[in-house]
Amino acid sequence: MIGAPPGGFAGPVKRSVTIAGHATSISLEPAFWSALERAAEARALPLNALIAQIDALRITAADPPNLASALRTWLLATLR
């Protein structure tokens, strides 16, 4: 039997970030925001800098996904 995640289920939360000097907003579930914050801290980077690095990788893809999808995918791959 499976259970709900710690803290329950939660919908996306929109945050503003700055990437390469441009403000944008990203909607992610709180669990993904927390995981991104931990990943940035582990790399001694500001959150915006980590997101900018992931965005730079994303735009090199043949068919780049939206930024929120790229962040989720990067986190999943990193946490494995």
PDB file of N, CA and C in Angstrom:
ATOM      1  N   MET A   1       0.847  -1.177   0.000  1.00  0.00           N
ATOM      2  CA  MET A   1       0.000   0.000   0.000  1.00  0.00           C
ATOM      3  C   MET A   1       0.893   1.241   0.000  1.00  0.00           C
ATOM      4  N   ILE A   2       0.479   2.259  -0.713  1.00  0.00           N
ATOM      5  CA  ILE A   2       1.236   3.510  -0.766  1.00  0.00           C
ATOM      6  C   ILE A   2       0.557   4.554   0.112  1.00  0.00           C
ATOM      7  N   GLY A   3       1.278   5.583   0.444  1.00  0.00           N
ATOM      8  CA  GLY A   3       0.721   6.672   1.241  1.00  0.00           C
ATOM      9  C   GLY A   3       0.974   8.003   0.583  1.00  0.00           C
ATOM     10  N   ALA A   4       0.357   9.010   1.125  1.00  0.00           N
ATOM     11  CA  ALA A   4       0.553  10.372   0.624  1.00  0.00           C
ATOM     12  C   ALA A   4       1.961  10.834   0.985  1.00  0.00           C
ATOM     13  N   PRO A   5       2.512  11.762   0.232  1.00  0.00           N
ATOM     14  CA  PRO A   5       3.832  12.296   0.562  1.00  0.00           C
ATOM     15  C   PRO A   5       3.784  13.059   1.885  1.00  0.00           C
ATOM     16  N   PRO A   6       4.939  13.196   2.542  1.00  0.00           N
ATOM     17  CA  PRO A   6       4.968  13.982   3.781  1.00  0.00           C
ATOM     18  C   PRO A   6       4.427  15.384   3.530  1.00  0.00           C
ATOM     19  N   GLY A   7       3.534  15.826   4.372  1.00  0.00           N
ATOM     20  CA  GLY A   7       2.929  17.140   4.183  1.00  0.00           C
ATOM     21  C   GLY A   7       1.728  17.123   3.253  1.00  0.00           C
ATOM     22  N   GLY A   8       1.427  15.972   2.668  1.00  0.00           N
ATOM     23  CA  GLY A   8       0.276  15.852   1.774  1.00  0.00           C
ATOM     24  C   GLY A   8       0.568  16.322   0.357  1.00  0.00           C
ATOM     25  N   PHE A   9      -0.457  16.371  -0.432  1.00  0.00           N
ATOM     26  CA  PHE A   9      -0.344  16.808  -1.822  1.00  0.00           C
ATOM     27  C   PHE A   9      -0.553  18.315  -1.888  1.00  0.00           C
ATOM     28  N   ALA A  10       0.179  18.975  -2.762  1.00  0.00           N
ATOM     29  CA  ALA A  10       0.055  20.425  -2.899  1.00  0.00           C
ATOM     30  C   ALA A  10       0.220  20.812  -4.358  1.00  0.00           C
ATOM     31  N   GLY A  11      -0.547  21.786  -4.769  1.00  0.00           N
ATOM     32  CA  GLY A  11      -0.460  22.276  -6.140  1.00  0.00           C
ATOM     33  C   GLY A  11       0.713  23.222  -6.326  1.00  0.00           C
ATOM     34  N   PRO A  12       0.922  23.643  -7.556  1.00  0.00           N
ATOM     35  CA  PRO A  12       2.056  24.504  -7.872  1.00  0.00           C
ATOM     36  C   PRO A  12       1.988  25.868  -7.174  1.00  0.00           C
ATOM     37  N   VAL A  13       3.185  26.378  -6.895  1.00  0.00           N
ATOM     38  CA  VAL A  13       3.360  27.710  -6.329  1.00  0.00           C
ATOM     39  C   VAL A  13       4.208  28.497  -7.326  1.00  0.00           C
ATOM     40  N   LYS A  14       3.738  29.686  -7.678  1.00  0.00           N
ATOM     41  CA  LYS A  14       4.456  30.514  -8.649  1.00  0.00           C
ATOM     42  C   LYS A  14       5.462  31.392  -7.911  1.00  0.00           C
ATOM     43  N   ARG A  15       6.695  31.410  -8.424  1.00  0.00           N
ATOM     44  CA  ARG A  15       7.744  32.281  -7.883  1.00  0.00           C
ATOM     45  C   ARG A  15       8.401  33.031  -9.027  1.00  0.00           C
ATOM     46  N   SER A  16       8.886  34.213  -8.733  1.00  0.00           N
ATOM     47  CA  SER A  16       9.644  34.991  -9.709  1.00  0.00           C
ATOM     48  C   SER A  16      11.125  34.713  -9.509  1.00  0.00           C
ATOM     49  N   VAL A  17      11.832  34.512 -10.615  1.00  0.00           N
ATOM     50  CA  VAL A  17      13.274  34.308 -10.593  1.00  0.00           C
ATOM     51  C   VAL A  17      13.890  35.174 -11.677  1.00  0.00           C
ATOM     52  N   THR A  18      15.172  35.423 -11.553  1.00  0.00           N
ATOM     53  CA  THR A  18      15.887  36.192 -12.566  1.00  0.00           C
ATOM     54  C   THR A  18      16.912  35.286 -13.231  1.00  0.00           C
ATOM     55  N   ILE A  19      16.824  35.184 -14.544  1.00  0.00           N
ATOM     56  CA  ILE A  19      17.734  34.360 -15.334  1.00  0.00           C
ATOM     57  C   ILE A  19      18.375  35.262 -16.377  1.00  0.00           C
ATOM     58  N   ALA A  20      19.688  35.346 -16.337  1.00  0.00           N
ATOM     59  CA  ALA A  20      20.442  36.184 -17.279  1.00  0.00           C
ATOM     60  C   ALA A  20      19.897  37.608 -17.324  1.00  0.00           C
ATOM     61  N   GLY A  21      19.560  38.136 -16.167  1.00  0.00           N
ATOM     62  CA  GLY A  21      19.088  39.504 -16.083  1.00  0.00           C
ATOM     63  C   GLY A  21      17.633  39.720 -16.429  1.00  0.00           C
ATOM     64  N   HIS A  22      16.901  38.646 -16.716  1.00  0.00           N
ATOM     65  CA  HIS A  22      15.495  38.754 -17.090  1.00  0.00           C
ATOM     66  C   HIS A  22      14.625  38.068 -16.051  1.00  0.00           C
ATOM     67  N   ALA A  23      13.608  38.775 -15.582  1.00  0.00           N
ATOM     68  CA  ALA A  23      12.673  38.194 -14.620  1.00  0.00           C
ATOM     69  C   ALA A  23      11.705  37.272 -15.339  1.00  0.00           C
ATOM     70  N   THR A  24      11.417  36.148 -14.715  1.00  0.00           N
ATOM     71  CA  THR A  24      10.417  35.221 -15.227  1.00  0.00           C
ATOM     72  C   THR A  24       9.754  34.559 -14.038  1.00  0.00           C
ATOM     73  N   SER A  25       8.609  33.962 -14.261  1.00  0.00           N
ATOM     74  CA  SER A  25       7.950  33.252 -13.161  1.00  0.00           C
ATOM     75  C   SER A  25       7.883  31.776 -13.512  1.00  0.00           C
ATOM     76  N   ILE A  26       7.998  30.963 -12.480  1.00  0.00           N
ATOM     77  CA  ILE A  26       7.981  29.506 -12.632  1.00  0.00           C
ATOM     78  C   ILE A  26       6.994  28.954 -11.623  1.00  0.00           C
ATOM     79  N   SER A  27       6.163  28.031 -12.053  1.00  0.00           N
ATOM     80  CA  SER A  27       5.222  27.363 -11.158  1.00  0.00           C
ATOM     81  C   SER A  27       5.691  25.938 -10.912  1.00  0.00           C
ATOM     82  N   LEU A  28       5.993  25.638  -9.665  1.00  0.00           N
ATOM     83  CA  LEU A  28       6.399  24.295  -9.246  1.00  0.00           C
ATOM     84  C   LEU A  28       5.713  23.964  -7.929  1.00  0.00           C
ATOM     85  N   GLU A  29       5.529  22.690  -7.692  1.00  0.00           N
ATOM     86  CA  GLU A  29       4.995  22.235  -6.420  1.00  0.00           C
ATOM     87  C   GLU A  29       6.015  22.529  -5.316  1.00  0.00           C
ATOM     88  N   PRO A  30       5.540  22.766  -4.078  1.00  0.00           N
ATOM     89  CA  PRO A  30       6.461  23.078  -2.974  1.00  0.00           C
ATOM     90  C   PRO A  30       7.588  22.054  -2.796  1.00  0.00           C
ATOM     91  N   ALA A  31       7.312  20.789  -3.020  1.00  0.00           N
ATOM     92  CA  ALA A  31       8.362  19.768  -2.872  1.00  0.00           C
ATOM     93  C   ALA A  31       9.504  20.011  -3.861  1.00  0.00           C
ATOM     94  N   PHE A  32       9.186  20.461  -5.072  1.00  0.00           N
ATOM     95  CA  PHE A  32      10.221  20.746  -6.058  1.00  0.00           C
ATOM     96  C   PHE A  32      10.994  22.005  -5.688  1.00  0.00           C
ATOM     97  N   TRP A  33      10.302  23.030  -5.173  1.00  0.00           N
ATOM     98  CA  TRP A  33      11.013  24.225  -4.724  1.00  0.00           C
ATOM     99  C   TRP A  33      11.990  23.880  -3.607  1.00  0.00           C
ATOM    100  N   SER A  34      11.556  23.062  -2.666  1.00  0.00           N
ATOM    101  CA  SER A  34      12.440  22.656  -1.560  1.00  0.00           C
ATOM    102  C   SER A  34      13.645  21.884  -2.070  1.00  0.00           C
ATOM    103  N   ALA A  35      13.398  20.962  -3.011  1.00  0.00           N
ATOM    104  CA  ALA A  35      14.500  20.167  -3.574  1.00  0.00           C
ATOM    105  C   ALA A  35      15.476  21.061  -4.340  1.00  0.00           C
ATOM    106  N   LEU A  36      14.967  22.044  -5.074  1.00  0.00           N
ATOM    107  CA  LEU A  36      15.849  22.977  -5.784  1.00  0.00           C
ATOM    108  C   LEU A  36      16.677  23.803  -4.806  1.00  0.00           C
ATOM    109  N   GLU A  37      16.062  24.261  -3.741  1.00  0.00           N
ATOM    110  CA  GLU A  37      16.791  25.035  -2.732  1.00  0.00           C
ATOM    111  C   GLU A  37      17.910  24.199  -2.109  1.00  0.00           C
ATOM    112  N   ARG A  38      17.620  22.930  -1.798  1.00  0.00           N
ATOM    113  CA  ARG A  38      18.653  22.045  -1.243  1.00  0.00           C
ATOM    114  C   ARG A  38      19.768  21.801  -2.248  1.00  0.00           C
ATOM    115  N   ALA A  39      19.407  21.610  -3.524  1.00  0.00           N
ATOM    116  CA  ALA A  39      20.415  21.380  -4.563  1.00  0.00           C
ATOM    117  C   ALA A  39      21.298  22.614  -4.734  1.00  0.00           C
ATOM    118  N   ALA A  40      20.702  23.803  -4.689  1.00  0.00           N
ATOM    119  CA  ALA A  40      21.483  25.044  -4.804  1.00  0.00           C
ATOM    120  C   ALA A  40      22.419  25.186  -3.610  1.00  0.00           C
ATOM    121  N   GLU A  41      21.924  24.923  -2.430  1.00  0.00           N
ATOM    122  CA  GLU A  41      22.744  25.022  -1.218  1.00  0.00           C
ATOM    123  C   GLU A  41      23.907  24.029  -1.262  1.00  0.00           C
ATOM    124  N   ALA A  42      23.628  22.807  -1.711  1.00  0.00           N
ATOM    125  CA  ALA A  42      24.680  21.784  -1.799  1.00  0.00           C
ATOM    126  C   ALA A  42      25.777  22.190  -2.770  1.00  0.00           C
ATOM    127  N   ARG A  43      25.442  23.009  -3.759  1.00  0.00           N
ATOM    128  CA  ARG A  43      26.411  23.458  -4.755  1.00  0.00           C
ATOM    129  C   ARG A  43      26.947  24.853  -4.453  1.00  0.00           C
ATOM    130  N   ALA A  44      26.560  25.393  -3.294  1.00  0.00           N
ATOM    131  CA  ALA A  44      26.965  26.742  -2.877  1.00  0.00           C
ATOM    132  C   ALA A  44      26.608  27.783  -3.937  1.00  0.00           C
ATOM    133  N   LEU A  45      25.402  27.659  -4.481  1.00  0.00           N
ATOM    134  CA  LEU A  45      24.912  28.582  -5.502  1.00  0.00           C
ATOM    135  C   LEU A  45      23.638  29.257  -5.025  1.00  0.00           C
ATOM    136  N   PRO A  46      23.412  30.491  -5.440  1.00  0.00           N
ATOM    137  CA  PRO A  46      22.085  31.070  -5.246  1.00  0.00           C
ATOM    138  C   PRO A  46      21.075  30.277  -6.089  1.00  0.00           C
ATOM    139  N   LEU A  47      19.837  30.238  -5.633  1.00  0.00           N
ATOM    140  CA  LEU A  47      18.802  29.502  -6.359  1.00  0.00           C
ATOM    141  C   LEU A  47      18.688  29.973  -7.808  1.00  0.00           C
ATOM    142  N   ASN A  48      18.712  31.290  -8.026  1.00  0.00           N
ATOM    143  CA  ASN A  48      18.618  31.813  -9.396  1.00  0.00           C
ATOM    144  C   ASN A  48      19.760  31.303 -10.274  1.00  0.00           C
ATOM    145  N   ALA A  49      20.954  31.174  -9.704  1.00  0.00           N
ATOM    146  CA  ALA A  49      22.102  30.704 -10.485  1.00  0.00           C
ATOM    147  C   ALA A  49      21.926  29.243 -10.891  1.00  0.00           C
ATOM    148  N   LEU A  50      21.429  28.418  -9.973  1.00  0.00           N
ATOM    149  CA  LEU A  50      21.190  27.008 -10.321  1.00  0.00           C
ATOM    150  C   LEU A  50      20.132  26.912 -11.416  1.00  0.00           C
ATOM    151  N   ILE A  51      19.053  27.655 -11.263  1.00  0.00           N
ATOM    152  CA  ILE A  51      17.991  27.631 -12.276  1.00  0.00           C
ATOM    153  C   ILE A  51      18.538  28.113 -13.620  1.00  0.00           C
ATOM    154  N   ALA A  52      19.376  29.129 -13.616  1.00  0.00           N
ATOM    155  CA  ALA A  52      19.972  29.631 -14.863  1.00  0.00           C
ATOM    156  C   ALA A  52      20.842  28.563 -15.516  1.00  0.00           C
ATOM    157  N   GLN A  53      21.593  27.796 -14.722  1.00  0.00           N
ATOM    158  CA  GLN A  53      22.431  26.733 -15.286  1.00  0.00           C
ATOM    159  C   GLN A  53      21.571  25.630 -15.904  1.00  0.00           C
ATOM    160  N   ILE A  54      20.490  25.264 -15.225  1.00  0.00           N
ATOM    161  CA  ILE A  54      19.588  24.241 -15.766  1.00  0.00           C
ATOM    162  C   ILE A  54      18.927  24.768 -17.039  1.00  0.00           C
ATOM    163  N   ASP A  55      18.555  26.042 -17.040  1.00  0.00           N
ATOM    164  CA  ASP A  55      17.946  26.649 -18.228  1.00  0.00           C
ATOM    165  C   ASP A  55      18.914  26.635 -19.404  1.00  0.00           C
ATOM    166  N   ALA A  56      20.182  26.925 -19.140  1.00  0.00           N
ATOM    167  CA  ALA A  56      21.185  26.907 -20.209  1.00  0.00           C
ATOM    168  C   ALA A  56      21.313  25.513 -20.813  1.00  0.00           C
ATOM    169  N   LEU A  57      21.243  24.486 -19.974  1.00  0.00           N
ATOM    170  CA  LEU A  57      21.272  23.109 -20.491  1.00  0.00           C
ATOM    171  C   LEU A  57      20.011  22.801 -21.291  1.00  0.00           C
ATOM    172  N   ARG A  58      18.883  23.271 -20.781  1.00  0.00           N
ATOM    173  CA  ARG A  58      17.578  23.006 -21.410  1.00  0.00           C
ATOM    174  C   ARG A  58      17.527  23.536 -22.826  1.00  0.00           C
ATOM    175  N   ILE A  59      18.019  24.743 -23.036  1.00  0.00           N
ATOM    176  CA  ILE A  59      17.862  25.361 -24.356  1.00  0.00           C
ATOM    177  C   ILE A  59      18.785  24.746 -25.403  1.00  0.00           C
ATOM    178  N   THR A  60      19.715  23.885 -24.989  1.00  0.00           N
ATOM    179  CA  THR A  60      20.567  23.196 -25.959  1.00  0.00           C
ATOM    180  C   THR A  60      19.919  21.920 -26.486  1.00  0.00           C
ATOM    181  N   ALA A  61      18.798  21.512 -25.880  1.00  0.00           N
ATOM    182  CA  ALA A  61      18.114  20.290 -26.321  1.00  0.00           C
ATOM    183  C   ALA A  61      17.506  20.498 -27.706  1.00  0.00           C
ATOM    184  N   ALA A  62      17.387  19.408 -28.436  1.00  0.00           N
ATOM    185  CA  ALA A  62      16.811  19.479 -29.781  1.00  0.00           C
ATOM    186  C   ALA A  62      15.382  20.011 -29.745  1.00  0.00           C
ATOM    187  N   ASP A  63      14.611  19.582 -28.782  1.00  0.00           N
ATOM    188  CA  ASP A  63      13.229  20.034 -28.614  1.00  0.00           C
ATOM    189  C   ASP A  63      13.053  20.429 -27.149  1.00  0.00           C
ATOM    190  N   PRO A  64      13.516  21.627 -26.763  1.00  0.00           N
ATOM    191  CA  PRO A  64      13.550  21.991 -25.350  1.00  0.00           C
ATOM    192  C   PRO A  64      12.163  22.017 -24.703  1.00  0.00           C
ATOM    193  N   PRO A  65      12.036  21.408 -23.528  1.00  0.00           N
ATOM    194  CA  PRO A  65      10.776  21.481 -22.787  1.00  0.00           C
ATOM    195  C   PRO A  65      10.647  22.852 -22.132  1.00  0.00           C
ATOM    196  N   ASN A  66       9.503  23.124 -21.535  1.00  0.00           N
ATOM    197  CA  ASN A  66       9.394  24.381 -20.789  1.00  0.00           C
ATOM    198  C   ASN A  66      10.297  24.306 -19.561  1.00  0.00           C
ATOM    199  N   LEU A  67      10.576  25.439 -18.965  1.00  0.00           N
ATOM    200  CA  LEU A  67      11.547  25.499 -17.881  1.00  0.00           C
ATOM    201  C   LEU A  67      11.094  24.680 -16.671  1.00  0.00           C
ATOM    202  N   ALA A  68       9.827  24.750 -16.310  1.00  0.00           N
ATOM    203  CA  ALA A  68       9.338  23.988 -15.150  1.00  0.00           C
ATOM    204  C   ALA A  68       9.560  22.487 -15.370  1.00  0.00           C
ATOM    205  N   SER A  69       9.275  22.002 -16.560  1.00  0.00           N
ATOM    206  CA  SER A  69       9.496  20.581 -16.862  1.00  0.00           C
ATOM    207  C   SER A  69      10.974  20.230 -16.792  1.00  0.00           C
ATOM    208  N   ALA A  70      11.816  21.115 -17.302  1.00  0.00           N
ATOM    209  CA  ALA A  70      13.263  20.872 -17.259  1.00  0.00           C
ATOM    210  C   ALA A  70      13.755  20.810 -15.814  1.00  0.00           C
ATOM    211  N   LEU A  71      13.245  21.689 -14.959  1.00  0.00           N
ATOM    212  CA  LEU A  71      13.655  21.683 -13.549  1.00  0.00           C
ATOM    213  C   LEU A  71      13.233  20.391 -12.864  1.00  0.00           C
ATOM    214  N   ARG A  72      12.002  19.964 -13.094  1.00  0.00           N
ATOM    215  CA  ARG A  72      11.528  18.713 -12.490  1.00  0.00           C
ATOM    216  C   ARG A  72      12.353  17.526 -12.979  1.00  0.00           C
ATOM    217  N   THR A  73      12.612  17.471 -14.272  1.00  0.00           N
ATOM    218  CA  THR A  73      13.372  16.367 -14.849  1.00  0.00           C
ATOM    219  C   THR A  73      14.811  16.353 -14.308  1.00  0.00           C
ATOM    220  N   TRP A  74      15.435  17.525 -14.226  1.00  0.00           N
ATOM    221  CA  TRP A  74      16.800  17.624 -13.698  1.00  0.00           C
ATOM    222  C   TRP A  74      16.833  17.140 -12.252  1.00  0.00           C
ATOM    223  N   LEU A  75      15.857  17.582 -11.464  1.00  0.00           N
ATOM    224  CA  LEU A  75      15.814  17.155 -10.059  1.00  0.00           C
ATOM    225  C   LEU A  75      15.642  15.652  -9.930  1.00  0.00           C
ATOM    226  N   LEU A  76      14.746  15.092 -10.700  1.00  0.00           N
ATOM    227  CA  LEU A  76      14.532  13.639 -10.649  1.00  0.00           C
ATOM    228  C   LEU A  76      15.810  12.894 -11.004  1.00  0.00           C
ATOM    229  N   ALA A  77      16.483  13.317 -12.049  1.00  0.00           N
ATOM    230  CA  ALA A  77      17.737  12.667 -12.463  1.00  0.00           C
ATOM    231  C   ALA A  77      18.818  12.843 -11.403  1.00  0.00           C
ATOM    232  N   THR A  78      18.861  14.014 -10.784  1.00  0.00           N
ATOM    233  CA  THR A  78      19.886  14.306  -9.773  1.00  0.00           C
ATOM    234  C   THR A  78      19.656  13.505  -8.494  1.00  0.00           C
ATOM    235  N   LEU A  79      18.415  13.302  -8.136  1.00  0.00           N
ATOM    236  CA  LEU A  79      18.095  12.609  -6.894  1.00  0.00           C
ATOM    237  C   LEU A  79      18.179  11.096  -6.998  1.00  0.00           C
ATOM    238  N   ARG A  80      18.338  10.591  -8.181  1.00  0.00           N
ATOM    239  CA  ARG A  80      18.417   9.129  -8.361  1.00  0.00           C
ATOM    240  C   ARG A  80      19.770   8.619  -7.969  1.00  0.00           C
TER     241      ARG A  80
END
